[in-house]
Amino acid sequence: MPNFTIPLELLAITPDRADISFTQLARAVAEAIQGGVSAVVFREKSLADDVFIRRAKELRKVVVDAGACFILNERDHLLGEIEACALQLSFRSSPLSEVKKRYGANLPIGVSVHNPAEAQKRAEAGADFLIYGPVFETPSKKGLVSLRGLDELESVCEHVTCPVVAVGGVDDSRAEAVARTGAAGLAVMRFIFDAADPQQAAVSLRRSWGHHGN
């Protein structure tokens, strides 16, 4: 298996919201990276592929120029059009085994998982990292997926062989507790993109997490 190194300490997941223009999104991303975001997951579910490709390429330039990693979310069929440093799969994506066969030699591939059995299965199938949650309550998953909590997160981190990133309701008051579980990093959406100052929000998360800089 390839030994990929990908900066997972602080992932910012784009919010896919009509009230945030692409210009505002790009500005917030650049500011957040200056504050310590190590990677940006481009997650825009509502866009048609042609618009998605155009915006992904534009945002990738912003991310890479600022010194962070650009992660493509779900749309593995667009990897030929969009250069990414990693791919994040979900239940909507092609099966992990198929994607690993096509791209796994050259591209880190992560999977979003929501329970210990799923985490173990995806890790054994060759996932290079997992995004696990929701750890805490979050509006984006309310009523859809049960909360997993810190104890379960810690157990998953202990029992899988790949890095685990915590997602769901994580903020600067909870980051230190998440770090103690053995998680490799945090993935956030609202705390960055709802912030009046995305850079300061990222700085605060980094400080609480216990890491500094990119």
C-alpha atoms as a PDB file:
ATOM      1  CA  MET A   1       0.000   0.000   0.000  1.00  0.00           C
ATOM      2  CA  PRO A   2       1.343   3.475  -0.832  1.00  0.00           C
ATOM      3  CA  ASN A   3       2.512   5.485   2.156  1.00  0.00           C
ATOM      4  CA  PHE A   4       0.726   8.801   1.651  1.00  0.00           C
ATOM      5  CA  THR A   5       1.348  11.840   3.779  1.00  0.00           C
ATOM      6  CA  ILE A   6      -1.544  14.273   3.788  1.00  0.00           C
ATOM      7  CA  PRO A   7      -2.038  17.238   6.171  1.00  0.00           C
ATOM      8  CA  LEU A   8      -5.169  16.257   8.090  1.00  0.00           C
ATOM      9  CA  GLU A   9      -4.804  18.433  11.212  1.00  0.00           C
ATOM     10  CA  LEU A  10      -7.483  20.965  10.231  1.00  0.00           C
ATOM     11  CA  LEU A  11      -9.836  20.399   7.304  1.00  0.00           C
ATOM     12  CA  ALA A  12     -12.310  23.045   6.179  1.00  0.00           C
ATOM     13  CA  ILE A  13     -15.328  21.585   4.372  1.00  0.00           C
ATOM     14  CA  THR A  14     -17.046  24.014   1.993  1.00  0.00           C
ATOM     15  CA  PRO A  15     -20.685  24.568   2.986  1.00  0.00           C
ATOM     16  CA  ASP A  16     -22.629  24.311  -0.316  1.00  0.00           C
ATOM     17  CA  ARG A  17     -24.882  27.273   0.507  1.00  0.00           C
ATOM     18  CA  ALA A  18     -26.656  29.576  -1.916  1.00  0.00           C
ATOM     19  CA  ASP A  19     -26.225  32.565   0.421  1.00  0.00           C
ATOM     20  CA  ILE A  20     -22.425  32.424   0.082  1.00  0.00           C
ATOM     21  CA  SER A  21     -21.107  33.589  -3.282  1.00  0.00           C
ATOM     22  CA  PHE A  22     -18.085  31.901  -4.811  1.00  0.00           C
ATOM     23  CA  THR A  23     -16.095  35.106  -4.286  1.00  0.00           C
ATOM     24  CA  GLN A  24     -16.991  35.086  -0.588  1.00  0.00           C
ATOM     25  CA  LEU A  25     -16.154  31.384  -0.355  1.00  0.00           C
ATOM     26  CA  ALA A  26     -12.744  31.836  -1.977  1.00  0.00           C
ATOM     27  CA  ARG A  27     -11.931  34.749   0.322  1.00  0.00           C
ATOM     28  CA  ALA A  28     -12.966  32.790   3.420  1.00  0.00           C
ATOM     29  CA  VAL A  29     -10.899  29.803   2.300  1.00  0.00           C
ATOM     30  CA  ALA A  30      -7.782  31.916   1.766  1.00  0.00           C
ATOM     31  CA  GLU A  31      -8.213  33.577   5.158  1.00  0.00           C
ATOM     32  CA  ALA A  32      -8.807  30.250   6.905  1.00  0.00           C
ATOM     33  CA  ILE A  33      -5.639  28.791   5.406  1.00  0.00           C
ATOM     34  CA  GLN A  34      -3.704  31.779   6.705  1.00  0.00           C
ATOM     35  CA  GLY A  35      -5.093  30.894  10.125  1.00  0.00           C
ATOM     36  CA  GLY A  36      -3.922  27.297   9.957  1.00  0.00           C
ATOM     37  CA  VAL A  37      -6.352  25.246   7.839  1.00  0.00           C
ATOM     38  CA  SER A  38      -4.237  22.466   6.316  1.00  0.00           C
ATOM     39  CA  ALA A  39      -6.672  21.159   3.696  1.00  0.00           C
ATOM     40  CA  VAL A  40      -9.941  22.194   2.061  1.00  0.00           C
ATOM     41  CA  VAL A  41     -12.618  19.677   1.087  1.00  0.00           C
ATOM     42  CA  PHE A  42     -14.589  20.997  -1.895  1.00  0.00           C
ATOM     43  CA  ARG A  43     -18.108  19.751  -1.139  1.00  0.00           C
ATOM     44  CA  GLU A  44     -20.726  21.305  -3.415  1.00  0.00           C
ATOM     45  CA  LYS A  45     -23.558  18.816  -3.902  1.00  0.00           C
ATOM     46  CA  SER A  46     -25.986  21.032  -5.788  1.00  0.00           C
ATOM     47  CA  LEU A  47     -23.773  22.100  -8.702  1.00  0.00           C
ATOM     48  CA  ALA A  48     -23.967  20.592 -12.176  1.00  0.00           C
ATOM     49  CA  ASP A  49     -20.702  18.958 -13.220  1.00  0.00           C
ATOM     50  CA  ASP A  50     -19.663  21.718 -15.630  1.00  0.00           C
ATOM     51  CA  VAL A  51     -20.081  24.434 -12.993  1.00  0.00           C
ATOM     52  CA  PHE A  52     -18.503  22.210 -10.365  1.00  0.00           C
ATOM     53  CA  ILE A  53     -15.421  21.668 -12.531  1.00  0.00           C
ATOM     54  CA  ARG A  54     -14.977  25.381 -13.170  1.00  0.00           C
ATOM     55  CA  ARG A  55     -15.340  26.361  -9.531  1.00  0.00           C
ATOM     56  CA  ALA A  56     -13.213  23.469  -8.311  1.00  0.00           C
ATOM     57  CA  LYS A  57     -10.351  24.543 -10.557  1.00  0.00           C
ATOM     58  CA  GLU A  58     -10.653  28.147  -9.387  1.00  0.00           C
ATOM     59  CA  LEU A  59     -10.791  27.191  -5.716  1.00  0.00           C
ATOM     60  CA  ARG A  60      -7.965  24.697  -6.098  1.00  0.00           C
ATOM     61  CA  LYS A  61      -5.714  27.527  -7.266  1.00  0.00           C
ATOM     62  CA  VAL A  62      -6.659  29.585  -4.213  1.00  0.00           C
ATOM     63  CA  VAL A  63      -5.983  26.635  -1.906  1.00  0.00           C
ATOM     64  CA  VAL A  64      -2.678  25.578  -3.457  1.00  0.00           C
ATOM     65  CA  ASP A  65      -1.395  29.156  -3.788  1.00  0.00           C
ATOM     66  CA  ALA A  66      -2.098  29.618  -0.068  1.00  0.00           C
ATOM     67  CA  GLY A  67      -0.127  26.486   0.772  1.00  0.00           C
ATOM     68  CA  ALA A  68      -2.850  23.977   1.635  1.00  0.00           C
ATOM     69  CA  CYS A  69      -4.162  20.707   0.203  1.00  0.00           C
ATOM     70  CA  PHE A  70      -7.201  20.549  -2.105  1.00  0.00           C
ATOM     71  CA  ILE A  71      -9.463  17.533  -1.486  1.00  0.00           C
ATOM     72  CA  LEU A  72     -12.200  16.621  -3.963  1.00  0.00           C
ATOM     73  CA  ASN A  73     -15.421  15.414  -2.340  1.00  0.00           C
ATOM     74  CA  GLU A  74     -17.447  12.510  -3.780  1.00  0.00           C
ATOM     75  CA  ARG A  75     -17.203  13.217  -7.528  1.00  0.00           C
ATOM     76  CA  ASP A  76     -14.506  10.703  -8.388  1.00  0.00           C
ATOM     77  CA  HIS A  77     -15.681  10.686 -12.020  1.00  0.00           C
ATOM     78  CA  LEU A  78     -14.274  14.215 -12.361  1.00  0.00           C
ATOM     79  CA  LEU A  79     -10.722  13.400 -11.288  1.00  0.00           C
ATOM     80  CA  GLY A  80      -9.601  13.534 -14.896  1.00  0.00           C
ATOM     81  CA  GLU A  81     -10.742  17.159 -15.026  1.00  0.00           C
ATOM     82  CA  ILE A  82      -9.730  18.334 -11.550  1.00  0.00           C
ATOM     83  CA  GLU A  83      -6.297  17.878 -10.040  1.00  0.00           C
ATOM     84  CA  ALA A  84      -6.665  17.024  -6.363  1.00  0.00           C
ATOM     85  CA  CYS A  85      -4.223  15.969  -3.675  1.00  0.00           C
ATOM     86  CA  ALA A  86      -6.819  13.590  -2.178  1.00  0.00           C
ATOM     87  CA  LEU A  87     -10.340  12.279  -2.722  1.00  0.00           C
ATOM     88  CA  GLN A  88     -13.053  11.977  -0.076  1.00  0.00           C
ATOM     89  CA  LEU A  89     -15.753   9.340  -0.684  1.00  0.00           C
ATOM     90  CA  SER A  90     -19.217   8.990   0.844  1.00  0.00           C
ATOM     91  CA  PHE A  91     -22.145   6.636   0.369  1.00  0.00           C
ATOM     92  CA  ARG A  92     -22.996   8.574  -2.814  1.00  0.00           C
ATOM     93  CA  SER A  93     -19.615   7.814  -4.390  1.00  0.00           C
ATOM     94  CA  SER A  94     -18.364   4.862  -6.377  1.00  0.00           C
ATOM     95  CA  PRO A  95     -17.324   1.875  -4.208  1.00  0.00           C
ATOM     96  CA  LEU A  96     -13.961   2.282  -2.481  1.00  0.00           C
ATOM     97  CA  SER A  97     -12.590  -0.884  -4.128  1.00  0.00           C
ATOM     98  CA  GLU A  98     -13.271   0.475  -7.614  1.00  0.00           C
ATOM     99  CA  VAL A  99     -11.800   3.894  -6.869  1.00  0.00           C
ATOM    100  CA  LYS A 100      -8.712   2.358  -5.252  1.00  0.00           C
ATOM    101  CA  LYS A 101      -8.192   0.207  -8.327  1.00  0.00           C
ATOM    102  CA  ARG A 102      -8.317   3.227 -10.639  1.00  0.00           C
ATOM    103  CA  TYR A 103      -6.528   5.877  -8.573  1.00  0.00           C
ATOM    104  CA  GLY A 104      -5.175   4.358  -5.374  1.00  0.00           C
ATOM    105  CA  ALA A 105      -1.563   4.075  -6.485  1.00  0.00           C
ATOM    106  CA  ASN A 106      -1.218   7.828  -6.875  1.00  0.00           C
ATOM    107  CA  LEU A 107      -3.957   9.449  -4.774  1.00  0.00           C
ATOM    108  CA  PRO A 108      -4.847   9.330  -1.067  1.00  0.00           C
ATOM    109  CA  ILE A 109      -8.475   8.242  -0.725  1.00  0.00           C
ATOM    110  CA  GLY A 110     -10.536   8.934   2.386  1.00  0.00           C
ATOM    111  CA  VAL A 111     -14.022   7.768   3.320  1.00  0.00           C
ATOM    112  CA  SER A 112     -16.739   9.350   5.454  1.00  0.00           C
ATOM    113  CA  VAL A 113     -17.990   6.822   8.019  1.00  0.00           C
ATOM    114  CA  HIS A 114     -20.561   6.941  10.802  1.00  0.00           C
ATOM    115  CA  ASN A 115     -20.122   3.883  13.024  1.00  0.00           C
ATOM    116  CA  PRO A 116     -17.313   1.599  14.238  1.00  0.00           C
ATOM    117  CA  ALA A 117     -18.201  -1.335  11.983  1.00  0.00           C
ATOM    118  CA  GLU A 118     -18.172   0.866   8.904  1.00  0.00           C
ATOM    119  CA  ALA A 119     -14.896   2.455   9.982  1.00  0.00           C
ATOM    120  CA  GLN A 120     -13.254  -0.951  10.423  1.00  0.00           C
ATOM    121  CA  LYS A 121     -14.572  -2.179   7.078  1.00  0.00           C
ATOM    122  CA  ARG A 122     -13.329   0.851   5.141  1.00  0.00           C
ATOM    123  CA  ALA A 123      -9.943   0.820   6.854  1.00  0.00           C
ATOM    124  CA  GLU A 124      -9.483  -2.872   6.042  1.00  0.00           C
ATOM    125  CA  ALA A 125     -10.510  -2.155   2.443  1.00  0.00           C
ATOM    126  CA  GLY A 126      -7.607   0.261   2.102  1.00  0.00           C
ATOM    127  CA  ALA A 127      -8.907   3.728   2.964  1.00  0.00           C
ATOM    128  CA  ASP A 128      -5.972   6.075   3.496  1.00  0.00           C
ATOM    129  CA  PHE A 129      -7.918   8.104   6.062  1.00  0.00           C
ATOM    130  CA  LEU A 130     -11.412   8.284   7.566  1.00  0.00           C
ATOM    131  CA  ILE A 131     -13.629  11.222   8.443  1.00  0.00           C
ATOM    132  CA  TYR A 132     -15.677  10.053  11.417  1.00  0.00           C
ATOM    133  CA  GLY A 133     -18.807  11.513  12.971  1.00  0.00           C
ATOM    134  CA  PRO A 134     -20.858  13.352  13.795  1.00  0.00           C
ATOM    135  CA  VAL A 135     -19.007  13.462  17.096  1.00  0.00           C
ATOM    136  CA  PHE A 136     -21.200  16.267  18.439  1.00  0.00           C
ATOM    137  CA  GLU A 137     -24.570  17.618  17.358  1.00  0.00           C
ATOM    138  CA  THR A 138     -24.521  19.505  14.069  1.00  0.00           C
ATOM    139  CA  PRO A 139     -27.366  20.938  11.963  1.00  0.00           C
ATOM    140  CA  SER A 140     -26.101  19.276   8.768  1.00  0.00           C
ATOM    141  CA  LYS A 141     -26.643  15.779  10.204  1.00  0.00           C
ATOM    142  CA  LYS A 142     -29.482  16.387  12.663  1.00  0.00           C
ATOM    143  CA  GLY A 143     -32.022  13.592  12.436  1.00  0.00           C
ATOM    144  CA  LEU A 144     -29.976  11.752   9.803  1.00  0.00           C
ATOM    145  CA  VAL A 145     -27.106  10.156  11.715  1.00  0.00           C
ATOM    146  CA  SER A 146     -26.860   9.459  15.441  1.00  0.00           C
ATOM    147  CA  LEU A 147     -24.185  11.225  17.476  1.00  0.00           C
ATOM    148  CA  ARG A 148     -21.047   9.154  18.006  1.00  0.00           C
ATOM    149  CA  GLY A 149     -19.391  10.936  20.944  1.00  0.00           C
ATOM    150  CA  LEU A 150     -15.804  11.138  22.153  1.00  0.00           C
ATOM    151  CA  ASP A 151     -15.588   7.648  23.670  1.00  0.00           C
ATOM    152  CA  GLU A 152     -16.575   5.988  20.421  1.00  0.00           C
ATOM    153  CA  LEU A 153     -14.230   8.233  18.450  1.00  0.00           C
ATOM    154  CA  GLU A 154     -11.368   7.209  20.730  1.00  0.00           C
ATOM    155  CA  SER A 155     -12.210   3.526  20.289  1.00  0.00           C
ATOM    156  CA  VAL A 156     -12.253   3.875  16.508  1.00  0.00           C
ATOM    157  CA  CYS A 157      -8.913   5.677  16.552  1.00  0.00           C
ATOM    158  CA  GLU A 158      -7.433   2.831  18.601  1.00  0.00           C
ATOM    159  CA  HIS A 159      -8.755   0.026  16.409  1.00  0.00           C
ATOM    160  CA  VAL A 160      -8.279   1.159  12.806  1.00  0.00           C
ATOM    161  CA  THR A 161      -4.960   1.279  11.009  1.00  0.00           C
ATOM    162  CA  CYS A 162      -5.423   4.591   9.164  1.00  0.00           C
ATOM    163  CA  PRO A 163      -5.709   8.194  10.429  1.00  0.00           C
ATOM    164  CA  VAL A 164      -9.130   9.336  11.666  1.00  0.00           C
ATOM    165  CA  VAL A 165     -10.439  12.907  11.355  1.00  0.00           C
ATOM    166  CA  ALA A 166     -13.289  13.982  13.651  1.00  0.00           C
ATOM    167  CA  VAL A 167     -16.261  15.835  12.180  1.00  0.00           C
ATOM    168  CA  GLY A 168     -19.549  17.196  13.486  1.00  0.00           C
ATOM    169  CA  GLY A 169     -20.057  20.099  15.852  1.00  0.00           C
ATOM    170  CA  VAL A 170     -16.357  20.577  16.538  1.00  0.00           C
ATOM    171  CA  ASP A 171     -15.379  24.065  17.686  1.00  0.00           C
ATOM    172  CA  ASP A 172     -12.544  25.659  19.632  1.00  0.00           C
ATOM    173  CA  SER A 173     -14.090  24.646  22.954  1.00  0.00           C
ATOM    174  CA  ARG A 174     -14.072  20.959  21.945  1.00  0.00           C
ATOM    175  CA  ALA A 175     -10.927  20.623  19.838  1.00  0.00           C
ATOM    176  CA  GLU A 176      -8.633  19.823  22.774  1.00  0.00           C
ATOM    177  CA  ALA A 177     -10.918  16.996  23.918  1.00  0.00           C
ATOM    178  CA  VAL A 178     -10.989  15.608  20.375  1.00  0.00           C
ATOM    179  CA  ALA A 179      -7.186  15.729  20.215  1.00  0.00           C
ATOM    180  CA  ARG A 180      -6.997  13.558  23.349  1.00  0.00           C
ATOM    181  CA  THR A 181      -8.903  10.743  21.581  1.00  0.00           C
ATOM    182  CA  GLY A 182      -6.006  10.121  19.222  1.00  0.00           C
ATOM    183  CA  ALA A 183      -7.738  11.639  16.202  1.00  0.00           C
ATOM    184  CA  ALA A 184      -5.386  12.840  13.478  1.00  0.00           C
ATOM    185  CA  GLY A 185      -7.334  16.045  12.972  1.00  0.00           C
ATOM    186  CA  LEU A 186     -10.561  18.008  12.848  1.00  0.00           C
ATOM    187  CA  ALA A 187     -12.957  18.692   9.985  1.00  0.00           C
ATOM    188  CA  VAL A 188     -15.174  21.757  10.332  1.00  0.00           C
ATOM    189  CA  MET A 189     -17.678  23.665   8.272  1.00  0.00           C
ATOM    190  CA  ARG A 190     -19.818  26.131  10.219  1.00  0.00           C
ATOM    191  CA  PHE A 191     -17.088  27.202  12.636  1.00  0.00           C
ATOM    192  CA  ILE A 192     -15.018  28.479   9.709  1.00  0.00           C
ATOM    193  CA  PHE A 193     -17.596  29.590   7.167  1.00  0.00           C
ATOM    194  CA  ASP A 194     -20.083  31.146   9.590  1.00  0.00           C
ATOM    195  CA  ALA A 195     -17.313  33.089  11.294  1.00  0.00           C
ATOM    196  CA  ALA A 196     -16.986  36.847  10.879  1.00  0.00           C
ATOM    197  CA  ASP A 197     -13.217  36.248  10.766  1.00  0.00           C
ATOM    198  CA  PRO A 198     -12.355  32.827   9.230  1.00  0.00           C
ATOM    199  CA  GLN A 199      -8.649  33.355   9.844  1.00  0.00           C
ATOM    200  CA  GLN A 200      -9.130  33.948  13.554  1.00  0.00           C
ATOM    201  CA  ALA A 201     -11.539  30.996  13.754  1.00  0.00           C
ATOM    202  CA  ALA A 202      -8.840  28.751  12.313  1.00  0.00           C
ATOM    203  CA  VAL A 203      -6.211  30.198  14.656  1.00  0.00           C
ATOM    204  CA  SER A 204      -8.483  29.492  17.619  1.00  0.00           C
ATOM    205  CA  LEU A 205      -9.057  25.897  16.508  1.00  0.00           C
ATOM    206  CA  ARG A 206      -5.338  25.339  16.034  1.00  0.00           C
ATOM    207  CA  ARG A 207      -4.578  26.773  19.445  1.00  0.00           C
ATOM    208  CA  SER A 208      -7.126  24.540  21.109  1.00  0.00           C
ATOM    209  CA  TRP A 209      -5.970  21.501  19.120  1.00  0.00           C
ATOM    210  CA  GLY A 210      -2.412  22.095  20.193  1.00  0.00           C
ATOM    211  CA  HIS A 211      -0.789  22.455  16.790  1.00  0.00           C
ATOM    212  CA  HIS A 212       0.499  25.658  15.180  1.00  0.00           C
ATOM    213  CA  GLY A 213       1.045  26.624  11.579  1.00  0.00           C
ATOM    214  CA  ASN A 214       0.377  24.618   8.418  1.00  0.00           C
END
